[in-house]
């Protein structure tokens, strides 16, 4: 299965009735319902969990390959910043921590997206210096995705 994410921006909270008709007409077209990770609910900060939001624009991010290739690049990113989930303090703040914790469940809201976009910006030159074309393509794609959503948006995993 290919890994695909959707990033949305220009979110405004929908104050009407969210029923089956609304979902049929709007979800996947111009609206999202916010869900959160059961383990890391703060990843959706900046959005109200359970609420529906209309969005102005969305962008689908693919090109990550199959799940195994995506996970290999995510592991390279973890090694790149010396993140090890087995170490004490692995859940403290640090570069890309939100991404390592996320696991694709729930949404990443604008606060976490902005933090991740800043992390990708801060490590850009070092990532490019690795001279690993596949990893750097992954890196640029992830950066673009979080930059797209960082002001008033969200990111979520889309099963393909």
Protein backbone atom coordinates (compact mmCIF):
# COMPACT_ATOMS: atom_id res chain seq x y z
CA UNK A 1 0.00 0.00 0.00
CA UNK A 2 1.34 3.43 -0.96
CA UNK A 3 1.69 6.09 1.70
CA UNK A 4 -0.35 9.21 1.00
CA UNK A 5 -1.05 12.23 3.19
CA UNK A 6 -3.52 15.06 2.76
CA UNK A 7 -2.71 18.56 3.95
CA UNK A 8 -5.45 21.18 4.15
CA UNK A 9 -5.27 24.90 4.77
CA UNK A 10 -7.67 27.77 5.25
CA UNK A 11 -9.66 25.87 7.88
CA UNK A 12 -12.76 27.47 9.35
CA UNK A 13 -14.91 25.71 11.90
CA UNK A 14 -18.27 24.57 10.54
CA UNK A 15 -21.06 25.52 12.92
CA UNK A 16 -23.93 23.68 11.24
CA UNK A 17 -25.20 20.14 11.64
CA UNK A 18 -22.71 17.43 10.79
CA UNK A 19 -24.84 14.51 9.69
CA UNK A 20 -24.63 11.80 7.03
CA UNK A 21 -25.79 14.24 4.33
CA UNK A 22 -23.06 16.74 5.27
CA UNK A 23 -20.45 13.98 5.26
CA UNK A 24 -21.61 12.69 1.86
CA UNK A 25 -21.50 16.14 0.28
CA UNK A 26 -18.44 17.65 1.93
CA UNK A 27 -15.95 15.18 3.40
CA UNK A 28 -13.08 14.62 0.99
CA UNK A 29 -14.28 17.63 -1.02
CA UNK A 30 -14.02 20.72 1.18
CA UNK A 31 -14.36 19.60 4.79
CA UNK A 32 -12.66 17.42 7.41
CA UNK A 33 -13.72 16.08 10.77
CA UNK A 34 -10.98 16.36 13.35
CA UNK A 35 -9.92 13.24 15.16
CA UNK A 36 -6.92 12.82 17.38
CA UNK A 37 -4.42 10.18 18.28
CA UNK A 38 -5.49 8.36 21.43
CA UNK A 39 -1.88 8.33 22.61
CA UNK A 40 -0.90 11.83 21.53
CA UNK A 41 -4.02 14.05 21.44
CA UNK A 42 -1.95 17.25 21.62
CA UNK A 43 -0.88 16.67 18.00
CA UNK A 44 -4.28 18.12 16.97
CA UNK A 45 -3.74 21.31 19.05
CA UNK A 46 -5.19 24.36 17.37
CA UNK A 47 -8.26 22.40 16.27
CA UNK A 48 -11.29 21.20 18.21
CA UNK A 49 -11.36 17.42 18.25
CA UNK A 50 -14.70 16.13 16.98
CA UNK A 51 -15.52 19.34 15.11
CA UNK A 52 -15.88 19.71 11.36
CA UNK A 53 -13.86 22.30 9.47
CA UNK A 54 -14.32 23.61 5.97
CA UNK A 55 -11.07 24.16 4.09
CA UNK A 56 -10.07 26.45 1.24
CA UNK A 57 -7.44 24.21 -0.29
CA UNK A 58 -6.03 20.74 0.02
CA UNK A 59 -2.94 19.09 -1.37
CA UNK A 60 -2.27 15.37 -1.54
CA UNK A 61 1.29 14.32 -0.82
CA UNK A 62 2.45 11.02 -2.26
CA UNK A 63 5.70 9.87 -3.74
CA UNK A 64 6.73 8.25 -0.47
CA UNK A 65 6.47 4.78 -1.98
CA UNK A 66 5.09 1.79 -0.19
CA UNK A 67 4.85 1.70 3.59
CA UNK A 68 8.14 -0.17 3.97
CA UNK A 69 10.04 2.49 2.01
CA UNK A 70 8.32 5.30 3.92
CA UNK A 71 9.21 3.66 7.26
CA UNK A 72 12.82 3.19 6.14
CA UNK A 73 13.09 6.92 5.39
CA UNK A 74 11.39 7.77 8.68
CA UNK A 75 13.97 5.60 10.42
CA UNK A 76 16.74 7.43 8.55
CA UNK A 77 15.26 10.70 9.82
CA UNK A 78 15.28 9.36 13.39
CA UNK A 79 18.91 8.27 13.05
CA UNK A 80 19.74 11.61 11.43
CA UNK A 81 18.69 13.47 14.61
CA UNK A 82 19.80 10.70 17.02
CA UNK A 83 16.26 9.87 18.12
CA UNK A 84 15.86 6.46 19.75
CA UNK A 85 12.46 5.55 21.17
CA UNK A 86 14.14 3.25 23.71
CA UNK A 87 16.16 6.04 25.33
CA UNK A 88 15.00 7.86 28.46
CA UNK A 89 13.76 11.26 27.41
CA UNK A 90 12.60 10.09 23.97
CA UNK A 91 9.20 11.66 24.68
CA UNK A 92 10.64 15.06 25.52
CA UNK A 93 10.72 17.88 23.03
CA UNK A 94 13.17 17.67 20.19
CA UNK A 95 13.34 17.76 16.42
CA UNK A 96 10.63 15.79 14.63
CA UNK A 97 9.34 14.21 17.88
CA UNK A 98 5.73 14.80 16.87
CA UNK A 99 6.28 12.94 13.62
CA UNK A 100 7.93 9.99 15.35
CA UNK A 101 5.04 9.74 17.84
CA UNK A 102 2.23 10.28 15.36
CA UNK A 103 2.01 6.92 13.65
CA UNK A 104 -0.55 8.24 11.16
CA UNK A 105 -3.47 8.06 13.62
CA UNK A 106 -5.50 11.24 13.98
CA UNK A 107 -4.63 14.66 12.63
CA UNK A 108 -1.72 16.94 13.01
CA UNK A 109 -3.06 20.42 13.67
CA UNK A 110 -1.48 23.77 12.81
CA UNK A 111 0.64 24.03 15.98
CA UNK A 112 2.43 20.71 15.50
CA UNK A 113 2.59 21.30 11.72
CA UNK A 114 4.35 24.65 12.29
CA UNK A 115 6.80 23.06 14.70
CA UNK A 116 7.57 20.25 12.22
CA UNK A 117 7.93 22.71 9.34
CA UNK A 118 10.46 24.64 11.43
CA UNK A 119 12.35 21.42 12.22
CA UNK A 120 12.55 20.54 8.54
CA UNK A 121 13.78 24.06 7.76
CA UNK A 122 16.39 23.97 10.52
CA UNK A 123 17.87 20.66 9.34
CA UNK A 124 17.58 21.30 5.59
CA UNK A 125 21.28 21.85 4.86
CA UNK A 126 22.37 18.85 6.92
CA UNK A 127 19.84 16.61 5.18
CA UNK A 128 21.00 17.76 1.77
CA UNK A 129 24.66 17.21 2.76
CA UNK A 130 23.96 13.49 3.30
CA UNK A 131 23.89 13.06 -0.50
CA UNK A 132 21.13 10.44 -0.22
CA UNK A 133 18.77 11.37 -3.05
CA UNK A 134 15.88 9.15 -1.95
CA UNK A 135 16.01 10.40 1.63
CA UNK A 136 16.34 14.01 0.52
CA UNK A 137 13.28 13.68 -1.75
CA UNK A 138 11.36 12.26 1.24
CA UNK A 139 12.66 15.11 3.39
CA UNK A 140 11.63 17.85 0.93
CA UNK A 141 8.19 16.32 0.48
CA UNK A 142 7.59 16.15 4.23
CA UNK A 143 8.77 19.73 4.66
CA UNK A 144 6.43 20.98 1.91
CA UNK A 145 3.51 19.10 3.45
CA UNK A 146 3.91 20.65 6.90
CA UNK A 147 4.62 24.10 5.47
CA UNK A 148 1.34 23.84 3.54
CA UNK A 149 -0.64 23.24 6.75
CA UNK A 150 1.35 25.22 9.31
CA UNK A 151 -0.71 28.41 9.55
CA UNK A 152 -4.34 27.33 9.54
CA UNK A 153 -4.44 23.72 8.46
CA UNK A 154 -4.03 20.07 9.26
CA UNK A 155 -2.35 16.93 7.95
CA UNK A 156 -3.73 13.41 7.98
CA UNK A 157 -2.79 10.02 6.59
CA UNK A 158 -4.89 8.78 3.71
CA UNK A 159 -5.13 5.04 3.07
CA UNK A 160 -4.60 4.20 -0.58
